[in-house]
């Protein structure tokens, strides 16, 4: 199933920000950042897309991180590190509505 265009763009930014793949220590803060801007369903779709191309252990860690974001808040320093990677990959750190042009 193809991702909606805005989610495909986000996956592209993630891959640009993490050209070697997302390190496991960044899964939780990454999905916390995404979860603050996207719906749970959107985060799950992105996680599924990332885990599809990951090795089985990484795929399982991605799934656990998505589940954990509702129970655990990562350290602010971890979130800042992830935001820096995303910004380096072109992530505008805007809301999805702003990304798709829905918000003014």
PDB file of N, CA and C in Angstrom:
ATOM      1  N   UNK A   1       0.843  -1.179   0.000  1.00  0.00           N
ATOM      2  CA  UNK A   1       0.000   0.000   0.000  1.00  0.00           C
ATOM      3  C   UNK A   1       0.889   1.243   0.000  1.00  0.00           C
ATOM      4  N   UNK A   2       0.612   2.153  -0.890  1.00  0.00           N
ATOM      5  CA  UNK A   2       1.382   3.396  -0.985  1.00  0.00           C
ATOM      6  C   UNK A   2       0.988   4.338   0.155  1.00  0.00           C
ATOM      7  N   UNK A   3       1.979   5.026   0.677  1.00  0.00           N
ATOM      8  CA  UNK A   3       1.729   6.019   1.726  1.00  0.00           C
ATOM      9  C   UNK A   3       1.093   7.255   1.117  1.00  0.00           C
ATOM     10  N   UNK A   4       0.257   7.954   1.901  1.00  0.00           N
ATOM     11  CA  UNK A   4      -0.219   9.262   1.439  1.00  0.00           C
ATOM     12  C   UNK A   4       0.991  10.161   1.177  1.00  0.00           C
ATOM     13  N   UNK A   5       0.866  11.099   0.237  1.00  0.00           N
ATOM     14  CA  UNK A   5       2.023  11.926  -0.150  1.00  0.00           C
ATOM     15  C   UNK A   5       2.747  12.597   1.011  1.00  0.00           C
ATOM     16  N   UNK A   6       2.029  13.158   1.977  1.00  0.00           N
ATOM     17  CA  UNK A   6       2.710  13.848   3.075  1.00  0.00           C
ATOM     18  C   UNK A   6       3.519  12.858   3.912  1.00  0.00           C
ATOM     19  N   UNK A   7       3.017  11.630   4.101  1.00  0.00           N
ATOM     20  CA  UNK A   7       3.760  10.634   4.874  1.00  0.00           C
ATOM     21  C   UNK A   7       4.947  10.112   4.078  1.00  0.00           C
ATOM     22  N   UNK A   8       4.798   9.971   2.773  1.00  0.00           N
ATOM     23  CA  UNK A   8       5.928   9.568   1.926  1.00  0.00           C
ATOM     24  C   UNK A   8       7.029  10.626   1.985  1.00  0.00           C
ATOM     25  N   UNK A   9       6.643  11.890   2.023  1.00  0.00           N
ATOM     26  CA  UNK A   9       7.616  12.974   2.147  1.00  0.00           C
ATOM     27  C   UNK A   9       8.346  12.879   3.486  1.00  0.00           C
ATOM     28  N   UNK A  10       7.614  12.589   4.546  1.00  0.00           N
ATOM     29  CA  UNK A  10       8.223  12.455   5.871  1.00  0.00           C
ATOM     30  C   UNK A  10       9.217  11.299   5.881  1.00  0.00           C
ATOM     31  N   UNK A  11       8.849  10.174   5.298  1.00  0.00           N
ATOM     32  CA  UNK A  11       9.770   9.031   5.222  1.00  0.00           C
ATOM     33  C   UNK A  11      11.024   9.435   4.448  1.00  0.00           C
ATOM     34  N   UNK A  12      10.853  10.205   3.386  1.00  0.00           N
ATOM     35  CA  UNK A  12      12.009  10.700   2.634  1.00  0.00           C
ATOM     36  C   UNK A  12      12.916  11.560   3.499  1.00  0.00           C
ATOM     37  N   UNK A  13      12.328  12.435   4.301  1.00  0.00           N
ATOM     38  CA  UNK A  13      13.123  13.279   5.201  1.00  0.00           C
ATOM     39  C   UNK A  13      13.851  12.422   6.231  1.00  0.00           C
ATOM     40  N   UNK A  14      13.154  11.413   6.748  1.00  0.00           N
ATOM     41  CA  UNK A  14      13.791  10.538   7.733  1.00  0.00           C
ATOM     42  C   UNK A  14      14.989   9.827   7.127  1.00  0.00           C
ATOM     43  N   UNK A  15      14.828   9.357   5.921  1.00  0.00           N
ATOM     44  CA  UNK A  15      15.937   8.659   5.257  1.00  0.00           C
ATOM     45  C   UNK A  15      17.072   9.621   4.929  1.00  0.00           C
ATOM     46  N   UNK A  16      16.749  10.882   4.615  1.00  0.00           N
ATOM     47  CA  UNK A  16      17.792  11.880   4.361  1.00  0.00           C
ATOM     48  C   UNK A  16      18.498  12.256   5.660  1.00  0.00           C
ATOM     49  N   UNK A  17      17.741  12.386   6.735  1.00  0.00           N
ATOM     50  CA  UNK A  17      18.323  12.749   8.031  1.00  0.00           C
ATOM     51  C   UNK A  17      19.124  11.619   8.656  1.00  0.00           C
ATOM     52  N   UNK A  18      18.786  10.397   8.289  1.00  0.00           N
ATOM     53  CA  UNK A  18      19.464   9.206   8.798  1.00  0.00           C
ATOM     54  C   UNK A  18      19.859   8.322   7.621  1.00  0.00           C
ATOM     55  N   UNK A  19      20.825   8.762   6.805  1.00  0.00           N
ATOM     56  CA  UNK A  19      21.169   7.991   5.605  1.00  0.00           C
ATOM     57  C   UNK A  19      21.681   6.583   5.900  1.00  0.00           C
ATOM     58  N   UNK A  20      22.235   6.366   7.068  1.00  0.00           N
ATOM     59  CA  UNK A  20      22.719   5.039   7.461  1.00  0.00           C
ATOM     60  C   UNK A  20      21.651   4.252   8.211  1.00  0.00           C
ATOM     61  N   UNK A  21      20.448   4.797   8.301  1.00  0.00           N
ATOM     62  CA  UNK A  21      19.372   4.166   9.076  1.00  0.00           C
ATOM     63  C   UNK A  21      19.289   4.789  10.451  1.00  0.00           C
ATOM     64  N   UNK A  22      18.126   4.725  11.043  1.00  0.00           N
ATOM     65  CA  UNK A  22      17.906   5.298  12.365  1.00  0.00           C
ATOM     66  C   UNK A  22      18.560   4.399  13.410  1.00  0.00           C
ATOM     67  N   UNK A  23      19.466   4.957  14.240  1.00  0.00           N
ATOM     68  CA  UNK A  23      20.045   4.131  15.297  1.00  0.00           C
ATOM     69  C   UNK A  23      18.977   3.795  16.338  1.00  0.00           C
ATOM     70  N   UNK A  24      19.092   2.622  16.913  1.00  0.00           N
ATOM     71  CA  UNK A  24      18.064   2.164  17.851  1.00  0.00           C
ATOM     72  C   UNK A  24      17.830   3.158  18.991  1.00  0.00           C
ATOM     73  N   UNK A  25      18.875   3.825  19.460  1.00  0.00           N
ATOM     74  CA  UNK A  25      18.714   4.771  20.575  1.00  0.00           C
ATOM     75  C   UNK A  25      17.840   5.970  20.180  1.00  0.00           C
ATOM     76  N   UNK A  26      17.651   6.194  18.879  1.00  0.00           N
ATOM     77  CA  UNK A  26      16.844   7.322  18.420  1.00  0.00           C
ATOM     78  C   UNK A  26      15.392   6.939  18.125  1.00  0.00           C
ATOM     79  N   UNK A  27      15.052   5.662  18.163  1.00  0.00           N
ATOM     80  CA  UNK A  27      13.679   5.270  17.838  1.00  0.00           C
ATOM     81  C   UNK A  27      12.655   5.960  18.733  1.00  0.00           C
ATOM     82  N   UNK A  28      12.845   5.864  20.044  1.00  0.00           N
ATOM     83  CA  UNK A  28      11.854   6.433  20.957  1.00  0.00           C
ATOM     84  C   UNK A  28      11.721   7.939  20.793  1.00  0.00           C
ATOM     85  N   UNK A  29      12.829   8.720  20.822  1.00  0.00           N
ATOM     86  CA  UNK A  29      12.649  10.163  20.619  1.00  0.00           C
ATOM     87  C   UNK A  29      12.129  10.508  19.227  1.00  0.00           C
ATOM     88  N   UNK A  30      12.516   9.743  18.218  1.00  0.00           N
ATOM     89  CA  UNK A  30      12.024  10.002  16.862  1.00  0.00           C
ATOM     90  C   UNK A  30      10.511   9.864  16.811  1.00  0.00           C
ATOM     91  N   UNK A  31       9.995   8.772  17.335  1.00  0.00           N
ATOM     92  CA  UNK A  31       8.554   8.567  17.277  1.00  0.00           C
ATOM     93  C   UNK A  31       7.809   9.494  18.233  1.00  0.00           C
ATOM     94  N   UNK A  32       8.489   9.964  19.287  1.00  0.00           N
ATOM     95  CA  UNK A  32       7.879  10.988  20.143  1.00  0.00           C
ATOM     96  C   UNK A  32       7.744  12.296  19.373  1.00  0.00           C
ATOM     97  N   UNK A  33       8.783  12.662  18.618  1.00  0.00           N
ATOM     98  CA  UNK A  33       8.720  13.880  17.801  1.00  0.00           C
ATOM     99  C   UNK A  33       7.614  13.741  16.764  1.00  0.00           C
ATOM    100  N   UNK A  34       7.596  12.616  16.064  1.00  0.00           N
ATOM    101  CA  UNK A  34       6.552  12.396  15.065  1.00  0.00           C
ATOM    102  C   UNK A  34       5.171  12.383  15.704  1.00  0.00           C
ATOM    103  N   UNK A  35       5.072  11.737  16.866  1.00  0.00           N
ATOM    104  CA  UNK A  35       3.784  11.632  17.555  1.00  0.00           C
ATOM    105  C   UNK A  35       3.249  12.964  18.018  1.00  0.00           C
ATOM    106  N   UNK A  36       4.132  13.951  18.178  1.00  0.00           N
ATOM    107  CA  UNK A  36       3.668  15.283  18.584  1.00  0.00           C
ATOM    108  C   UNK A  36       3.090  16.046  17.395  1.00  0.00           C
ATOM    109  N   UNK A  37       3.315  15.551  16.169  1.00  0.00           N
ATOM    110  CA  UNK A  37       2.867  16.259  14.977  1.00  0.00           C
ATOM    111  C   UNK A  37       1.923  15.437  14.101  1.00  0.00           C
ATOM    112  N   UNK A  38       1.851  14.137  14.354  1.00  0.00           N
ATOM    113  CA  UNK A  38       1.047  13.255  13.519  1.00  0.00           C
ATOM    114  C   UNK A  38       0.073  12.456  14.373  1.00  0.00           C
ATOM    115  N   UNK A  39      -0.903  11.853  13.733  1.00  0.00           N
ATOM    116  CA  UNK A  39      -1.820  10.975  14.463  1.00  0.00           C
ATOM    117  C   UNK A  39      -1.121   9.651  14.749  1.00  0.00           C
ATOM    118  N   UNK A  40      -1.672   8.882  15.674  1.00  0.00           N
ATOM    119  CA  UNK A  40      -1.110   7.565  15.965  1.00  0.00           C
ATOM    120  C   UNK A  40      -1.104   6.682  14.718  1.00  0.00           C
ATOM    121  N   UNK A  41      -2.162   6.753  13.930  1.00  0.00           N
ATOM    122  CA  UNK A  41      -2.225   5.953  12.701  1.00  0.00           C
ATOM    123  C   UNK A  41      -1.129   6.356  11.720  1.00  0.00           C
ATOM    124  N   UNK A  42      -0.873   7.657  11.604  1.00  0.00           N
ATOM    125  CA  UNK A  42       0.180   8.127  10.700  1.00  0.00           C
ATOM    126  C   UNK A  42       1.555   7.661  11.175  1.00  0.00           C
ATOM    127  N   UNK A  43       1.791   7.739  12.485  1.00  0.00           N
ATOM    128  CA  UNK A  43       3.066   7.283  13.045  1.00  0.00           C
ATOM    129  C   UNK A  43       3.232   5.787  12.788  1.00  0.00           C
ATOM    130  N   UNK A  44       2.152   5.035  12.955  1.00  0.00           N
ATOM    131  CA  UNK A  44       2.206   3.591  12.719  1.00  0.00           C
ATOM    132  C   UNK A  44       2.519   3.284  11.260  1.00  0.00           C
ATOM    133  N   UNK A  45       1.918   4.030  10.338  1.00  0.00           N
ATOM    134  CA  UNK A  45       2.210   3.829   8.920  1.00  0.00           C
ATOM    135  C   UNK A  45       3.675   4.117   8.599  1.00  0.00           C
ATOM    136  N   UNK A  46       4.208   5.193   9.163  1.00  0.00           N
ATOM    137  CA  UNK A  46       5.615   5.532   8.940  1.00  0.00           C
ATOM    138  C   UNK A  46       6.512   4.450   9.535  1.00  0.00           C
ATOM    139  N   UNK A  47       6.191   4.002  10.738  1.00  0.00           N
ATOM    140  CA  UNK A  47       6.962   2.930  11.368  1.00  0.00           C
ATOM    141  C   UNK A  47       6.938   1.659  10.544  1.00  0.00           C
ATOM    142  N   UNK A  48       5.772   1.336   9.996  1.00  0.00           N
ATOM    143  CA  UNK A  48       5.659   0.144   9.159  1.00  0.00           C
ATOM    144  C   UNK A  48       6.527   0.285   7.914  1.00  0.00           C
ATOM    145  N   UNK A  49       6.538   1.463   7.314  1.00  0.00           N
ATOM    146  CA  UNK A  49       7.358   1.700   6.122  1.00  0.00           C
ATOM    147  C   UNK A  49       8.841   1.573   6.455  1.00  0.00           C
ATOM    148  N   UNK A  50       9.261   2.157   7.578  1.00  0.00           N
ATOM    149  CA  UNK A  50      10.662   2.067   7.973  1.00  0.00           C
ATOM    150  C   UNK A  50      11.048   0.638   8.340  1.00  0.00           C
ATOM    151  N   UNK A  51      10.153  -0.076   9.013  1.00  0.00           N
ATOM    152  CA  UNK A  51      10.479  -1.438   9.430  1.00  0.00           C
ATOM    153  C   UNK A  51      10.488  -2.399   8.251  1.00  0.00           C
ATOM    154  N   UNK A  52       9.760  -2.074   7.187  1.00  0.00           N
ATOM    155  CA  UNK A  52       9.729  -2.911   5.993  1.00  0.00           C
ATOM    156  C   UNK A  52      11.118  -3.051   5.384  1.00  0.00           C
ATOM    157  N   UNK A  53      11.886  -1.974   5.428  1.00  0.00           N
ATOM    158  CA  UNK A  53      13.219  -1.997   4.830  1.00  0.00           C
ATOM    159  C   UNK A  53      14.320  -2.275   5.853  1.00  0.00           C
ATOM    160  N   UNK A  54      13.943  -2.524   7.105  1.00  0.00           N
ATOM    161  CA  UNK A  54      14.923  -2.760   8.164  1.00  0.00           C
ATOM    162  C   UNK A  54      15.104  -4.264   8.388  1.00  0.00           C
ATOM    163  N   UNK A  55      16.198  -4.597   9.065  1.00  0.00           N
ATOM    164  CA  UNK A  55      16.382  -5.996   9.437  1.00  0.00           C
ATOM    165  C   UNK A  55      15.337  -6.356  10.495  1.00  0.00           C
ATOM    166  N   UNK A  56      15.052  -7.647  10.704  1.00  0.00           N
ATOM    167  CA  UNK A  56      13.984  -8.044  11.629  1.00  0.00           C
ATOM    168  C   UNK A  56      14.134  -7.500  13.046  1.00  0.00           C
ATOM    169  N   UNK A  57      15.363  -7.437  13.566  1.00  0.00           N
ATOM    170  CA  UNK A  57      15.563  -6.898  14.916  1.00  0.00           C
ATOM    171  C   UNK A  57      15.219  -5.416  14.960  1.00  0.00           C
ATOM    172  N   UNK A  58      15.634  -4.664  13.959  1.00  0.00           N
ATOM    173  CA  UNK A  58      15.311  -3.238  13.907  1.00  0.00           C
ATOM    174  C   UNK A  58      13.814  -3.033  13.739  1.00  0.00           C
ATOM    175  N   UNK A  59      13.188  -3.849  12.920  1.00  0.00           N
ATOM    176  CA  UNK A  59      11.744  -3.742  12.717  1.00  0.00           C
ATOM    177  C   UNK A  59      11.006  -3.946  14.036  1.00  0.00           C
ATOM    178  N   UNK A  60      11.429  -4.914  14.816  1.00  0.00           N
ATOM    179  CA  UNK A  60      10.793  -5.165  16.116  1.00  0.00           C
ATOM    180  C   UNK A  60      11.041  -3.997  17.061  1.00  0.00           C
ATOM    181  N   UNK A  61      12.243  -3.433  17.053  1.00  0.00           N
ATOM    182  CA  UNK A  61      12.554  -2.286  17.908  1.00  0.00           C
ATOM    183  C   UNK A  61      11.719  -1.075  17.503  1.00  0.00           C
ATOM    184  N   UNK A  62      11.485  -0.881  16.212  1.00  0.00           N
ATOM    185  CA  UNK A  62      10.644   0.218  15.737  1.00  0.00           C
ATOM    186  C   UNK A  62       9.218   0.044  16.269  1.00  0.00           C
ATOM    187  N   UNK A  63       8.692  -1.155  16.168  1.00  0.00           N
ATOM    188  CA  UNK A  63       7.338  -1.422  16.657  1.00  0.00           C
ATOM    189  C   UNK A  63       7.237  -1.177  18.160  1.00  0.00           C
ATOM    190  N   UNK A  64       8.251  -1.594  18.915  1.00  0.00           N
ATOM    191  CA  UNK A  64       8.252  -1.365  20.368  1.00  0.00           C
ATOM    192  C   UNK A  64       8.318   0.127  20.682  1.00  0.00           C
ATOM    193  N   UNK A  65       9.112   0.879  19.927  1.00  0.00           N
ATOM    194  CA  UNK A  65       9.241   2.317  20.159  1.00  0.00           C
ATOM    195  C   UNK A  65       7.913   3.022  19.907  1.00  0.00           C
ATOM    196  N   UNK A  66       7.209   2.618  18.868  1.00  0.00           N
ATOM    197  CA  UNK A  66       5.908   3.228  18.580  1.00  0.00           C
ATOM    198  C   UNK A  66       4.955   2.974  19.729  1.00  0.00           C
ATOM    199  N   UNK A  67       4.957   1.765  20.256  1.00  0.00           N
ATOM    200  CA  UNK A  67       4.097   1.429  21.387  1.00  0.00           C
ATOM    201  C   UNK A  67       4.518   2.214  22.627  1.00  0.00           C
ATOM    202  N   UNK A  68       5.811   2.381  22.831  1.00  0.00           N
ATOM    203  CA  UNK A  68       6.332   3.027  24.038  1.00  0.00           C
ATOM    204  C   UNK A  68       6.057   4.517  24.101  1.00  0.00           C
ATOM    205  N   UNK A  69       5.833   5.183  22.975  1.00  0.00           N
ATOM    206  CA  UNK A  69       5.675   6.638  23.035  1.00  0.00           C
ATOM    207  C   UNK A  69       4.447   7.047  23.824  1.00  0.00           C
ATOM    208  N   UNK A  70       3.491   6.155  23.989  1.00  0.00           N
ATOM    209  CA  UNK A  70       2.325   6.503  24.789  1.00  0.00           C
ATOM    210  C   UNK A  70       2.613   6.325  26.272  1.00  0.00           C
ATOM    211  N   UNK A  71       3.652   5.561  26.626  1.00  0.00           N
ATOM    212  CA  UNK A  71       3.947   5.265  28.026  1.00  0.00           C
ATOM    213  C   UNK A  71       5.172   5.990  28.568  1.00  0.00           C
ATOM    214  N   UNK A  72       6.086   6.387  27.709  1.00  0.00           N
ATOM    215  CA  UNK A  72       7.374   6.912  28.133  1.00  0.00           C
ATOM    216  C   UNK A  72       7.701   8.186  27.381  1.00  0.00           C
ATOM    217  N   UNK A  73       8.136   9.195  28.114  1.00  0.00           N
ATOM    218  CA  UNK A  73       8.599  10.422  27.466  1.00  0.00           C
ATOM    219  C   UNK A  73      10.119  10.375  27.436  1.00  0.00           C
ATOM    220  N   UNK A  74      10.708  10.489  26.242  1.00  0.00           N
ATOM    221  CA  UNK A  74      12.174  10.473  26.153  1.00  0.00           C
ATOM    222  C   UNK A  74      12.772  11.743  26.742  1.00  0.00           C
ATOM    223  N   UNK A  75      14.072  11.692  26.989  1.00  0.00           N
ATOM    224  CA  UNK A  75      14.806  12.844  27.498  1.00  0.00           C
ATOM    225  C   UNK A  75      14.760  13.975  26.474  1.00  0.00           C
ATOM    226  N   UNK A  76      14.709  15.199  26.949  1.00  0.00           N
ATOM    227  CA  UNK A  76      14.699  16.358  26.048  1.00  0.00           C
ATOM    228  C   UNK A  76      15.965  16.404  25.197  1.00  0.00           C
ATOM    229  N   UNK A  77      17.097  15.978  25.760  1.00  0.00           N
ATOM    230  CA  UNK A  77      18.346  15.960  24.981  1.00  0.00           C
ATOM    231  C   UNK A  77      18.253  14.970  23.816  1.00  0.00           C
ATOM    232  N   UNK A  78      17.559  13.853  24.023  1.00  0.00           N
ATOM    233  CA  UNK A  78      17.372  12.885  22.939  1.00  0.00           C
ATOM    234  C   UNK A  78      16.467  13.464  21.850  1.00  0.00           C
ATOM    235  N   UNK A  79      15.419  14.137  22.272  1.00  0.00           N
ATOM    236  CA  UNK A  79      14.504  14.761  21.307  1.00  0.00           C
ATOM    237  C   UNK A  79      15.254  15.833  20.510  1.00  0.00           C
ATOM    238  N   UNK A  80      16.094  16.622  21.177  1.00  0.00           N
ATOM    239  CA  UNK A  80      16.877  17.655  20.482  1.00  0.00           C
ATOM    240  C   UNK A  80      17.828  17.035  19.465  1.00  0.00           C
ATOM    241  N   UNK A  81      18.463  15.923  19.831  1.00  0.00           N
ATOM    242  CA  UNK A  81      19.378  15.241  18.913  1.00  0.00           C
ATOM    243  C   UNK A  81      18.621  14.766  17.675  1.00  0.00           C
ATOM    244  N   UNK A  82      17.452  14.183  17.871  1.00  0.00           N
ATOM    245  CA  UNK A  82      16.645  13.690  16.757  1.00  0.00           C
ATOM    246  C   UNK A  82      16.161  14.850  15.895  1.00  0.00           C
ATOM    247  N   UNK A  83      15.720  15.932  16.522  1.00  0.00           N
ATOM    248  CA  UNK A  83      15.293  17.107  15.749  1.00  0.00           C
ATOM    249  C   UNK A  83      16.433  17.627  14.868  1.00  0.00           C
ATOM    250  N   UNK A  84      17.661  17.602  15.396  1.00  0.00           N
ATOM    251  CA  UNK A  84      18.812  18.063  14.615  1.00  0.00           C
ATOM    252  C   UNK A  84      19.029  17.162  13.395  1.00  0.00           C
ATOM    253  N   UNK A  85      18.887  15.850  13.568  1.00  0.00           N
ATOM    254  CA  UNK A  85      19.019  14.930  12.430  1.00  0.00           C
ATOM    255  C   UNK A  85      17.927  15.191  11.401  1.00  0.00           C
ATOM    256  N   UNK A  86      16.709  15.395  11.879  1.00  0.00           N
ATOM    257  CA  UNK A  86      15.599  15.646  10.961  1.00  0.00           C
ATOM    258  C   UNK A  86      15.800  16.957  10.211  1.00  0.00           C
ATOM    259  N   UNK A  87      16.243  17.990  10.922  1.00  0.00           N
ATOM    260  CA  UNK A  87      16.477  19.285  10.275  1.00  0.00           C
ATOM    261  C   UNK A  87      17.576  19.160   9.221  1.00  0.00           C
ATOM    262  N   UNK A  88      18.601  18.374   9.515  1.00  0.00           N
ATOM    263  CA  UNK A  88      19.679  18.170   8.544  1.00  0.00           C
ATOM    264  C   UNK A  88      19.174  17.471   7.286  1.00  0.00           C
ATOM    265  N   UNK A  89      18.129  16.673   7.442  1.00  0.00           N
ATOM    266  CA  UNK A  89      17.554  15.977   6.300  1.00  0.00           C
ATOM    267  C   UNK A  89      16.484  16.768   5.581  1.00  0.00           C
ATOM    268  N   UNK A  90      16.228  17.998   6.046  1.00  0.00           N
ATOM    269  CA  UNK A  90      15.254  18.847   5.379  1.00  0.00           C
ATOM    270  C   UNK A  90      13.895  18.903   6.049  1.00  0.00           C
ATOM    271  N   UNK A  91      13.737  18.234   7.190  1.00  0.00           N
ATOM    272  CA  UNK A  91      12.467  18.251   7.911  1.00  0.00           C
ATOM    273  C   UNK A  91      12.187  19.673   8.363  1.00  0.00           C
ATOM    274  N   UNK A  92      11.027  20.231   8.020  1.00  0.00           N
ATOM    275  CA  UNK A  92      10.759  21.624   8.373  1.00  0.00           C
ATOM    276  C   UNK A  92      10.279  21.812   9.808  1.00  0.00           C
ATOM    277  N   UNK A  93      10.096  20.726  10.554  1.00  0.00           N
ATOM    278  CA  UNK A  93       9.613  20.782  11.933  1.00  0.00           C
ATOM    279  C   UNK A  93       8.332  21.608  12.034  1.00  0.00           C
ATOM    280  N   UNK A  94       7.451  21.370  11.075  1.00  0.00           N
ATOM    281  CA  UNK A  94       6.140  22.021  11.035  1.00  0.00           C
ATOM    282  C   UNK A  94       5.067  20.965  11.222  1.00  0.00           C
ATOM    283  N   UNK A  95       3.864  21.408  11.453  1.00  0.00           N
ATOM    284  CA  UNK A  95       2.763  20.465  11.606  1.00  0.00           C
ATOM    285  C   UNK A  95       2.419  19.857  10.250  1.00  0.00           C
ATOM    286  N   UNK A  96       1.805  18.642  10.241  1.00  0.00           N
ATOM    287  CA  UNK A  96       1.451  18.023   8.966  1.00  0.00           C
ATOM    288  C   UNK A  96       0.567  18.905   8.093  1.00  0.00           C
ATOM    289  N   UNK A  97      -0.332  19.681   8.704  1.00  0.00           N
ATOM    290  CA  UNK A  97      -1.174  20.577   7.925  1.00  0.00           C
ATOM    291  C   UNK A  97      -0.364  21.619   7.195  1.00  0.00           C
ATOM    292  N   UNK A  98       0.683  22.116   7.857  1.00  0.00           N
ATOM    293  CA  UNK A  98       1.568  23.084   7.212  1.00  0.00           C
ATOM    294  C   UNK A  98       2.362  22.423   6.102  1.00  0.00           C
ATOM    295  N   UNK A  99       2.727  21.148   6.293  1.00  0.00           N
ATOM    296  CA  UNK A  99       3.467  20.433   5.264  1.00  0.00           C
ATOM    297  C   UNK A  99       2.642  20.234   4.013  1.00  0.00           C
ATOM    298  N   UNK A 100       1.358  19.954   4.201  1.00  0.00           N
ATOM    299  CA  UNK A 100       0.516  19.672   3.047  1.00  0.00           C
ATOM    300  C   UNK A 100      -0.154  20.919   2.502  1.00  0.00           C
ATOM    301  N   UNK A 101       0.022  22.051   3.213  1.00  0.00           N
ATOM    302  CA  UNK A 101      -0.558  23.307   2.749  1.00  0.00           C
ATOM    303  C   UNK A 101      -1.966  23.542   3.247  1.00  0.00           C
ATOM    304  N   UNK A 102      -2.425  22.702   4.219  1.00  0.00           N
ATOM    305  CA  UNK A 102      -3.780  22.877   4.739  1.00  0.00           C
ATOM    306  C   UNK A 102      -3.895  24.043   5.706  1.00  0.00           C
ATOM    307  N   UNK A 103      -2.812  24.319   6.446  1.00  0.00           N
ATOM    308  CA  UNK A 103      -2.836  25.415   7.425  1.00  0.00           C
ATOM    309  C   UNK A 103      -2.297  26.677   6.768  1.00  0.00           C
ATOM    310  N   UNK A 104      -2.736  27.833   7.254  1.00  0.00           N
ATOM    311  CA  UNK A 104      -2.197  29.079   6.698  1.00  0.00           C
ATOM    312  C   UNK A 104      -0.755  29.279   7.064  1.00  0.00           C
TER     313      UNK A 104
END
